[in-house]
C-alpha atoms as a PDB file:
ATOM      1  CA  MET A   1       0.202   0.146  -0.043  1.00  0.00           C
ATOM      2  CA  GLU A   2       2.744   2.490   0.997  1.00  0.00           C
ATOM      3  CA  SER A   3       4.568   1.630  -2.381  1.00  0.00           C
ATOM      4  CA  THR A   4       1.138   2.080  -4.248  1.00  0.00           C
ATOM      5  CA  ASN A   5       0.646   5.756  -2.590  1.00  0.00           C
ATOM      6  CA  TYR A   6       4.178   6.685  -3.325  1.00  0.00           C
ATOM      7  CA  LEU A   7       3.820   6.178  -6.739  1.00  0.00           C
ATOM      8  CA  LYS A   8       0.674   8.101  -6.892  1.00  0.00           C
ATOM      9  CA  GLN A   9       2.205  10.888  -5.413  1.00  0.00           C
ATOM     10  CA  LEU A  10       5.023  10.917  -7.773  1.00  0.00           C
ATOM     11  CA  PHE A  11       3.164  10.386 -11.126  1.00  0.00           C
ATOM     12  CA  GLY A  12      -0.007  12.038  -9.996  1.00  0.00           C
ATOM     13  CA  LEU A  13      -0.672  15.628 -10.802  1.00  0.00           C
ATOM     14  CA  GLN A  14      -3.404  16.218  -8.463  1.00  0.00           C
ATOM     15  CA  ASP A  15      -4.078  20.561  -7.953  1.00  0.00           C
ATOM     16  CA  ARG A  16      -2.084  21.104 -10.975  1.00  0.00           C
ATOM     17  CA  VAL A  17      -3.142  22.581 -13.835  1.00  0.00           C
ATOM     18  CA  ALA A  18      -1.805  22.141 -17.279  1.00  0.00           C
ATOM     19  CA  VAL A  19      -1.864  24.276 -20.403  1.00  0.00           C
ATOM     20  CA  VAL A  20      -2.277  22.148 -23.654  1.00  0.00           C
ATOM     21  CA  ILE A  21      -1.968  24.073 -26.637  1.00  0.00           C
ATOM     22  CA  GLY A  22      -3.023  21.986 -29.498  1.00  0.00           C
ATOM     23  CA  GLY A  23      -5.231  20.063 -27.324  1.00  0.00           C
ATOM     24  CA  THR A  24      -7.952  20.092 -29.947  1.00  0.00           C
ATOM     25  CA  GLY A  25      -5.863  18.111 -32.161  1.00  0.00           C
ATOM     26  CA  GLU A  26      -5.344  13.906 -32.029  1.00  0.00           C
ATOM     27  CA  LEU A  27      -2.168  13.340 -30.395  1.00  0.00           C
ATOM     28  CA  CYS A  28      -1.787  16.390 -27.788  1.00  0.00           C
ATOM     29  CA  GLY A  29      -5.778  15.767 -27.330  1.00  0.00           C
ATOM     30  CA  ALA A  30      -5.092  12.324 -26.113  1.00  0.00           C
ATOM     31  CA  MET A  31      -2.011  13.552 -24.206  1.00  0.00           C
ATOM     32  CA  ALA A  32      -4.211  16.157 -22.383  1.00  0.00           C
ATOM     33  CA  GLU A  33      -6.582  13.065 -21.321  1.00  0.00           C
ATOM     34  CA  GLY A  34      -3.972  11.488 -19.876  1.00  0.00           C
ATOM     35  CA  LEU A  35      -2.837  14.897 -17.582  1.00  0.00           C
ATOM     36  CA  ALA A  36      -6.503  15.063 -16.622  1.00  0.00           C
ATOM     37  CA  GLN A  37      -6.571  11.087 -15.660  1.00  0.00           C
ATOM     38  CA  ALA A  38      -3.405  11.913 -13.568  1.00  0.00           C
ATOM     39  CA  GLY A  39      -5.109  14.770 -11.732  1.00  0.00           C
ATOM     40  CA  ALA A  40      -4.196  17.688 -13.378  1.00  0.00           C
ATOM     41  CA  HIS A  41      -7.180  20.239 -14.496  1.00  0.00           C
ATOM     42  CA  VAL A  42      -6.503  20.738 -18.122  1.00  0.00           C
ATOM     43  CA  VAL A  43      -7.026  23.699 -20.139  1.00  0.00           C
ATOM     44  CA  LEU A  44      -7.325  22.755 -24.087  1.00  0.00           C
ATOM     45  CA  ALA A  45      -6.096  25.914 -25.892  1.00  0.00           C
ATOM     46  CA  GLY A  46      -6.796  26.038 -29.646  1.00  0.00           C
ATOM     47  CA  ARG A  47      -9.038  27.613 -32.567  1.00  0.00           C
ATOM     48  CA  SER A  48     -11.861  25.199 -32.572  1.00  0.00           C
ATOM     49  CA  GLU A  49     -14.183  24.839 -29.569  1.00  0.00           C
ATOM     50  CA  VAL A  50     -16.452  22.312 -31.432  1.00  0.00           C
ATOM     51  CA  LYS A  51     -13.618  19.831 -31.355  1.00  0.00           C
ATOM     52  CA  ALA A  52     -12.495  20.883 -27.613  1.00  0.00           C
ATOM     53  CA  GLN A  53     -16.065  19.896 -26.515  1.00  0.00           C
ATOM     54  CA  ALA A  54     -15.593  16.646 -27.948  1.00  0.00           C
ATOM     55  CA  ARG A  55     -12.543  16.056 -25.900  1.00  0.00           C
ATOM     56  CA  LEU A  56     -13.608  17.709 -22.566  1.00  0.00           C
ATOM     57  CA  GLU A  57     -16.499  15.237 -22.855  1.00  0.00           C
ATOM     58  CA  LYS A  58     -14.282  12.313 -22.683  1.00  0.00           C
ATOM     59  CA  ILE A  59     -12.067  13.904 -20.004  1.00  0.00           C
ATOM     60  CA  SER A  60     -15.201  14.484 -17.670  1.00  0.00           C
ATOM     61  CA  ALA A  61     -16.493  10.773 -18.585  1.00  0.00           C
ATOM     62  CA  SER A  62     -13.231   9.493 -17.284  1.00  0.00           C
ATOM     63  CA  GLY A  63     -13.740  11.749 -13.990  1.00  0.00           C
ATOM     64  CA  GLY A  64     -11.182  14.395 -15.240  1.00  0.00           C
ATOM     65  CA  SER A  65     -11.347  18.003 -15.022  1.00  0.00           C
ATOM     66  CA  GLY A  66     -10.758  20.552 -18.304  1.00  0.00           C
ATOM     67  CA  SER A  67     -11.879  23.427 -19.990  1.00  0.00           C
ATOM     68  CA  PHE A  68     -11.182  25.739 -23.129  1.00  0.00           C
ATOM     69  CA  VAL A  69      -9.741  28.715 -24.283  1.00  0.00           C
ATOM     70  CA  ALA A  70      -9.645  30.028 -27.724  1.00  0.00           C
ATOM     71  CA  VAL A  71      -5.950  31.525 -29.074  1.00  0.00           C
ATOM     72  CA  ASP A  72      -4.164  32.371 -31.677  1.00  0.00           C
ATOM     73  CA  VAL A  73      -0.248  30.695 -31.096  1.00  0.00           C
ATOM     74  CA  ASN A  74       1.207  33.402 -33.707  1.00  0.00           C
ATOM     75  CA  ARG A  75       0.058  36.297 -31.483  1.00  0.00           C
ATOM     76  CA  LYS A  76       1.830  37.142 -28.448  1.00  0.00           C
ATOM     77  CA  ASP A  77      -0.867  39.243 -26.980  1.00  0.00           C
ATOM     78  CA  SER A  78      -3.343  36.291 -27.438  1.00  0.00           C
ATOM     79  CA  LEU A  79      -1.118  33.946 -25.449  1.00  0.00           C
ATOM     80  CA  VAL A  80      -0.999  36.544 -22.543  1.00  0.00           C
ATOM     81  CA  ALA A  81      -4.492  36.676 -22.767  1.00  0.00           C
ATOM     82  CA  LEU A  82      -4.733  32.767 -22.506  1.00  0.00           C
ATOM     83  CA  LEU A  83      -2.215  32.587 -19.583  1.00  0.00           C
ATOM     84  CA  ASP A  84      -4.497  35.322 -17.769  1.00  0.00           C
ATOM     85  CA  ALA A  85      -7.772  33.253 -18.392  1.00  0.00           C
ATOM     86  CA  VAL A  86      -6.136  30.544 -17.056  1.00  0.00           C
ATOM     87  CA  LEU A  87      -4.891  32.552 -13.829  1.00  0.00           C
ATOM     88  CA  THR A  88      -8.066  33.958 -13.248  1.00  0.00           C
ATOM     89  CA  ALA A  89     -10.129  30.858 -13.450  1.00  0.00           C
ATOM     90  CA  GLN A  90      -7.575  28.575 -11.786  1.00  0.00           C
ATOM     91  CA  GLY A  91      -5.486  30.758  -9.914  1.00  0.00           C
ATOM     92  CA  ARG A  92      -2.322  28.687 -10.972  1.00  0.00           C
ATOM     93  CA  MET A  93      -0.289  27.299 -14.078  1.00  0.00           C
ATOM     94  CA  ASP A  94       2.156  24.361 -13.625  1.00  0.00           C
ATOM     95  CA  ILE A  95       2.519  22.616 -16.902  1.00  0.00           C
ATOM     96  CA  LEU A  96       2.796  23.745 -20.255  1.00  0.00           C
ATOM     97  CA  ILE A  97       2.231  21.135 -23.203  1.00  0.00           C
ATOM     98  CA  ASN A  98       3.609  22.729 -26.903  1.00  0.00           C
ATOM     99  CA  GLY A  99       1.728  20.818 -29.681  1.00  0.00           C
ATOM    100  CA  ALA A 100       0.270  23.263 -32.449  1.00  0.00           C
ATOM    101  CA  GLY A 101       1.999  21.987 -35.573  1.00  0.00           C
ATOM    102  CA  VAL A 102       1.276  22.011 -39.365  1.00  0.00           C
ATOM    103  CA  ASN A 103       3.027  19.998 -42.453  1.00  0.00           C
ATOM    104  CA  SER A 104       3.602  19.824 -45.807  1.00  0.00           C
ATOM    105  CA  PRO A 105       5.064  17.374 -48.701  1.00  0.00           C
ATOM    106  CA  THR A 106       5.978  20.296 -51.001  1.00  0.00           C
ATOM    107  CA  PRO A 107       9.222  19.148 -53.213  1.00  0.00           C
ATOM    108  CA  PHE A 108      12.267  20.901 -52.142  1.00  0.00           C
ATOM    109  CA  PHE A 109      12.438  23.338 -55.442  1.00  0.00           C
ATOM    110  CA  GLU A 110       8.668  24.093 -55.027  1.00  0.00           C
ATOM    111  CA  ILE A 111       8.696  25.275 -51.290  1.00  0.00           C
ATOM    112  CA  SER A 112       7.479  28.922 -51.549  1.00  0.00           C
ATOM    113  CA  GLU A 113       8.530  31.633 -49.023  1.00  0.00           C
ATOM    114  CA  GLU A 114       4.919  31.579 -48.119  1.00  0.00           C
ATOM    115  CA  GLU A 115       5.203  28.002 -47.058  1.00  0.00           C
ATOM    116  CA  VAL A 116       8.559  28.731 -45.056  1.00  0.00           C
ATOM    117  CA  HIS A 117       6.941  31.622 -43.284  1.00  0.00           C
ATOM    118  CA  ASP A 118       3.848  29.825 -42.713  1.00  0.00           C
ATOM    119  CA  ILE A 119       4.992  26.819 -41.212  1.00  0.00           C
ATOM    120  CA  PHE A 120       7.988  28.746 -39.041  1.00  0.00           C
ATOM    121  CA  GLU A 121       5.158  30.712 -37.838  1.00  0.00           C
ATOM    122  CA  THR A 122       3.250  28.032 -36.157  1.00  0.00           C
ATOM    123  CA  ASN A 123       5.792  25.239 -35.723  1.00  0.00           C
ATOM    124  CA  TYR A 124       8.429  27.191 -34.411  1.00  0.00           C
ATOM    125  CA  LYS A 125       7.682  31.002 -33.530  1.00  0.00           C
ATOM    126  CA  ALA A 126       4.556  29.982 -31.852  1.00  0.00           C
ATOM    127  CA  VAL A 127       6.848  27.746 -29.472  1.00  0.00           C
ATOM    128  CA  VAL A 128       8.874  30.848 -28.635  1.00  0.00           C
ATOM    129  CA  LEU A 129       6.175  33.019 -27.634  1.00  0.00           C
ATOM    130  CA  ALA A 130       4.571  30.498 -25.883  1.00  0.00           C
ATOM    131  CA  CYS A 131       7.961  29.687 -23.981  1.00  0.00           C
ATOM    132  CA  GLN A 132       8.150  33.492 -23.390  1.00  0.00           C
ATOM    133  CA  VAL A 133       5.008  34.008 -21.915  1.00  0.00           C
ATOM    134  CA  PHE A 134       4.247  30.985 -19.904  1.00  0.00           C
ATOM    135  CA  GLY A 135       7.911  30.874 -19.085  1.00  0.00           C
ATOM    136  CA  ARG A 136       8.581  33.831 -17.743  1.00  0.00           C
ATOM    137  CA  HIS A 137       5.185  32.870 -15.185  1.00  0.00           C
ATOM    138  CA  MET A 138       7.165  29.762 -14.149  1.00  0.00           C
ATOM    139  CA  VAL A 139      10.317  31.500 -13.763  1.00  0.00           C
ATOM    140  CA  GLU A 140       8.724  33.890 -11.501  1.00  0.00           C
ATOM    141  CA  ASN A 141       6.612  31.475  -9.455  1.00  0.00           C
ATOM    142  CA  GLY A 142       9.085  29.142  -8.657  1.00  0.00           C
ATOM    143  CA  GLY A 143       8.821  26.449 -10.957  1.00  0.00           C
ATOM    144  CA  GLY A 144       7.041  24.416 -13.841  1.00  0.00           C
ATOM    145  CA  SER A 145       7.238  21.989 -16.484  1.00  0.00           C
ATOM    146  CA  ILE A 146       7.434  22.680 -20.297  1.00  0.00           C
ATOM    147  CA  VAL A 147       6.992  19.573 -22.586  1.00  0.00           C
ATOM    148  CA  ASN A 148       7.692  20.800 -26.270  1.00  0.00           C
ATOM    149  CA  VAL A 149       6.363  18.329 -28.902  1.00  0.00           C
ATOM    150  CA  GLY A 150       9.181  17.660 -31.084  1.00  0.00           C
ATOM    151  CA  SER A 151       9.214  15.253 -33.997  1.00  0.00           C
ATOM    152  CA  MET A 152      11.377  12.309 -35.613  1.00  0.00           C
ATOM    153  CA  SER A 153      12.477  14.431 -38.302  1.00  0.00           C
ATOM    154  CA  GLY A 154      13.649  16.848 -35.791  1.00  0.00           C
ATOM    155  CA  LEU A 155      16.464  14.004 -34.595  1.00  0.00           C
ATOM    156  CA  VAL A 156      16.936  12.110 -38.607  1.00  0.00           C
ATOM    157  CA  PRO A 157      16.634  13.379 -41.879  1.00  0.00           C
ATOM    158  CA  LEU A 158      12.953  12.344 -43.200  1.00  0.00           C
ATOM    159  CA  SER A 159      11.979  12.780 -47.124  1.00  0.00           C
ATOM    160  CA  ARG A 160       9.255  14.965 -48.211  1.00  0.00           C
ATOM    161  CA  VAL A 161       9.043  17.377 -45.475  1.00  0.00           C
ATOM    162  CA  PHE A 162      11.876  19.564 -45.584  1.00  0.00           C
ATOM    163  CA  THR A 163      10.241  22.481 -43.872  1.00  0.00           C
ATOM    164  CA  TYR A 164       8.595  20.889 -41.064  1.00  0.00           C
ATOM    165  CA  SER A 165      11.498  18.935 -40.165  1.00  0.00           C
ATOM    166  CA  ALA A 166      13.585  22.093 -40.084  1.00  0.00           C
ATOM    167  CA  THR A 167      10.970  23.560 -37.750  1.00  0.00           C
ATOM    168  CA  LYS A 168      10.909  20.527 -35.091  1.00  0.00           C
ATOM    169  CA  ALA A 169      14.965  20.678 -35.543  1.00  0.00           C
ATOM    170  CA  ALA A 170      14.555  24.040 -34.101  1.00  0.00           C
ATOM    171  CA  VAL A 171      12.148  23.126 -31.306  1.00  0.00           C
ATOM    172  CA  HIS A 172      14.673  20.672 -30.166  1.00  0.00           C
ATOM    173  CA  ASN A 173      17.502  23.135 -30.205  1.00  0.00           C
ATOM    174  CA  LEU A 174      15.149  25.751 -28.281  1.00  0.00           C
ATOM    175  CA  SER A 175      13.925  23.333 -26.015  1.00  0.00           C
ATOM    176  CA  LYS A 176      17.950  22.205 -24.850  1.00  0.00           C
ATOM    177  CA  ASN A 177      18.782  25.934 -24.452  1.00  0.00           C
ATOM    178  CA  LEU A 178      15.648  26.822 -22.150  1.00  0.00           C
ATOM    179  CA  ALA A 179      16.278  23.843 -20.059  1.00  0.00           C
ATOM    180  CA  ARG A 180      19.698  25.049 -19.166  1.00  0.00           C
ATOM    181  CA  GLU A 181      18.841  28.752 -18.685  1.00  0.00           C
ATOM    182  CA  TRP A 182      15.912  28.189 -16.565  1.00  0.00           C
ATOM    183  CA  ALA A 183      17.330  24.844 -14.297  1.00  0.00           C
ATOM    184  CA  ALA A 184      18.502  26.847 -11.219  1.00  0.00           C
ATOM    185  CA  GLN A 185      14.666  28.330 -11.179  1.00  0.00           C
ATOM    186  CA  ASN A 186      13.391  24.828 -11.149  1.00  0.00           C
ATOM    187  CA  VAL A 187      11.829  24.935 -14.816  1.00  0.00           C
ATOM    188  CA  ARG A 188      11.885  22.243 -16.977  1.00  0.00           C
ATOM    189  CA  VAL A 189      11.890  21.730 -20.632  1.00  0.00           C
ATOM    190  CA  ASN A 190      11.840  18.380 -22.367  1.00  0.00           C
ATOM    191  CA  THR A 191      10.884  17.487 -25.473  1.00  0.00           C
ATOM    192  CA  ILE A 192       8.792  14.384 -26.508  1.00  0.00           C
ATOM    193  CA  VAL A 193       9.163  13.170 -29.741  1.00  0.00           C
ATOM    194  CA  PRO A 194       6.829  10.931 -31.425  1.00  0.00           C
ATOM    195  CA  GLY A 195       7.306   8.549 -34.194  1.00  0.00           C
ATOM    196  CA  PHE A 196       4.781   7.943 -36.963  1.00  0.00           C
ATOM    197  CA  PHE A 197       1.283   8.620 -35.687  1.00  0.00           C
ATOM    198  CA  PRO A 198      -1.407   9.101 -38.118  1.00  0.00           C
ATOM    199  CA  ALA A 199      -2.992  12.683 -36.999  1.00  0.00           C
ATOM    200  CA  GLU A 200      -4.544  15.436 -38.875  1.00  0.00           C
ATOM    201  CA  GLN A 201      -1.211  17.404 -40.067  1.00  0.00           C
ATOM    202  CA  ASN A 202       0.333  14.243 -41.552  1.00  0.00           C
ATOM    203  CA  ARG A 203      -2.371  12.465 -43.231  1.00  0.00           C
ATOM    204  CA  LYS A 204      -1.925  13.997 -46.469  1.00  0.00           C
ATOM    205  CA  VAL A 205       1.738  12.817 -46.575  1.00  0.00           C
ATOM    206  CA  LEU A 206       0.704   8.972 -45.920  1.00  0.00           C
ATOM    207  CA  THR A 207       0.493   7.765 -49.410  1.00  0.00           C
ATOM    208  CA  PRO A 208       0.528   4.060 -49.414  1.00  0.00           C
ATOM    209  CA  GLU A 209       4.142   4.282 -50.891  1.00  0.00           C
ATOM    210  CA  ARG A 210       5.026   6.329 -47.767  1.00  0.00           C
ATOM    211  CA  VAL A 211       3.169   3.962 -45.307  1.00  0.00           C
ATOM    212  CA  ALA A 212       4.919   1.054 -47.137  1.00  0.00           C
ATOM    213  CA  ASP A 213       8.662   2.648 -46.551  1.00  0.00           C
ATOM    214  CA  ILE A 214       7.464   3.475 -42.823  1.00  0.00           C
ATOM    215  CA  MET A 215       6.386  -0.028 -41.877  1.00  0.00           C
ATOM    216  CA  ARG A 216       9.816  -1.212 -43.248  1.00  0.00           C
ATOM    217  CA  HIS A 217      11.863   1.164 -41.175  1.00  0.00           C
ATOM    218  CA  THR A 218       9.641   0.399 -37.676  1.00  0.00           C
ATOM    219  CA  PRO A 219      10.541  -2.778 -35.890  1.00  0.00           C
ATOM    220  CA  ALA A 220       7.188  -2.400 -34.300  1.00  0.00           C
ATOM    221  CA  LYS A 221       5.669  -2.624 -37.872  1.00  0.00           C
ATOM    222  CA  ARG A 222       2.635  -0.221 -36.950  1.00  0.00           C
ATOM    223  CA  PHE A 223       1.935   3.227 -36.257  1.00  0.00           C
ATOM    224  CA  GLY A 224       1.832   4.350 -32.992  1.00  0.00           C
ATOM    225  CA  GLU A 225      -1.702   4.998 -31.074  1.00  0.00           C
ATOM    226  CA  ALA A 226      -2.172   8.532 -29.267  1.00  0.00           C
ATOM    227  CA  HIS A 227      -2.904   6.864 -26.337  1.00  0.00           C
ATOM    228  CA  GLU A 228       0.763   5.617 -25.975  1.00  0.00           C
ATOM    229  CA  LEU A 229       2.392   9.249 -25.893  1.00  0.00           C
ATOM    230  CA  ILE A 230       0.460   9.445 -22.192  1.00  0.00           C
ATOM    231  CA  GLY A 231       2.953   7.910 -20.234  1.00  0.00           C
ATOM    232  CA  ALA A 232       5.994   9.667 -21.341  1.00  0.00           C
ATOM    233  CA  THR A 233       3.756  13.107 -21.259  1.00  0.00           C
ATOM    234  CA  VAL A 234       2.963  12.342 -17.573  1.00  0.00           C
ATOM    235  CA  LEU A 235       6.503  11.231 -16.808  1.00  0.00           C
ATOM    236  CA  LEU A 236       7.937  14.643 -18.124  1.00  0.00           C
ATOM    237  CA  ALA A 237       5.015  16.753 -16.555  1.00  0.00           C
ATOM    238  CA  SER A 238       5.168  15.029 -13.083  1.00  0.00           C
ATOM    239  CA  ASP A 239       7.760  14.827  -9.880  1.00  0.00           C
ATOM    240  CA  ALA A 240       8.488  11.437 -11.451  1.00  0.00           C
ATOM    241  CA  GLY A 241      10.720  13.683 -13.994  1.00  0.00           C
ATOM    242  CA  SER A 242      11.878  16.061 -11.762  1.00  0.00           C
ATOM    243  CA  PHE A 243      15.569  15.418 -12.716  1.00  0.00           C
ATOM    244  CA  MET A 244      14.657  14.998 -16.217  1.00  0.00           C
ATOM    245  CA  ASN A 245      15.398  18.512 -17.988  1.00  0.00           C
ATOM    246  CA  GLY A 246      16.759  18.923 -21.672  1.00  0.00           C
ATOM    247  CA  SER A 247      15.712  15.416 -22.443  1.00  0.00           C
ATOM    248  CA  GLU A 248      14.131  14.078 -25.673  1.00  0.00           C
ATOM    249  CA  ILE A 249      12.098  11.225 -25.056  1.00  0.00           C
ATOM    250  CA  VAL A 250      11.371   8.955 -28.275  1.00  0.00           C
ATOM    251  CA  VAL A 251       8.059   7.142 -28.953  1.00  0.00           C
ATOM    252  CA  ASP A 252       8.637   5.599 -31.787  1.00  0.00           C
ATOM    253  CA  GLY A 253       8.281   1.770 -32.037  1.00  0.00           C
ATOM    254  CA  GLY A 254      12.104   1.504 -32.796  1.00  0.00           C
ATOM    255  CA  TYR A 255      12.017   3.657 -35.904  1.00  0.00           C
ATOM    256  CA  ALA A 256      15.095   5.601 -34.538  1.00  0.00           C
ATOM    257  CA  SER A 257      16.957   2.311 -33.922  1.00  0.00           C
ATOM    258  CA  MET A 258      16.397   0.983 -37.397  1.00  0.00           C
ATOM    259  CA  THR A 259      19.214   1.198 -40.202  1.00  0.00           C
ATOM    260  CA  ILE A 260      18.980  -1.781 -42.352  1.00  0.00           C
END
């Protein structure tokens, strides 16, 4: 019984508040559900209240607590308003999941300046702005955990997603720099690195030929399922990961371990 209570305390998130940017999507939505089941009040931050409501119903059905706040991740004033809304409603803010993202399979010579700008805006600049806004609050209030959603393409080269890969590599680098910068203030910044998980942003890339290539390179011989990101997310958000900072947790079915 004592060990059970210890583990609940170690991985538990009771009385904590988690903001999940991108929580209206498939992967971050599942991560949000996991945080709620661990005891956190989860704030889904995104554009679609309809999608958020469906996720909040699942959270409520499993005994969790959640709410929705609309946000434009590319505007710092909108992120400031998000933080203010969370503090007004909940009185605290402990965990940030940065998961907004867009993808594109444009061949390299056809990538427009607009695509470069737009994807860097959402995938990198938005993470920078959120880390500035929420990171400052954590630094000034004695601690917190930021989990940025990276990508396998941020670690190893992947074909056909040039702009996306560059932005994710930038997120990986930013996370390590912030981990070093804020460690003394008890603010941890880590990166969760999904392998291949079918989600809204990559479905247009997943042609039959692409899927076959992925399966040949994945020892598990399948795609990941969204709920399989929950364990790593709770670890990084909770006291169980209290000495993890600047870490990259890969959840990929063995993809990164495969060569030939």
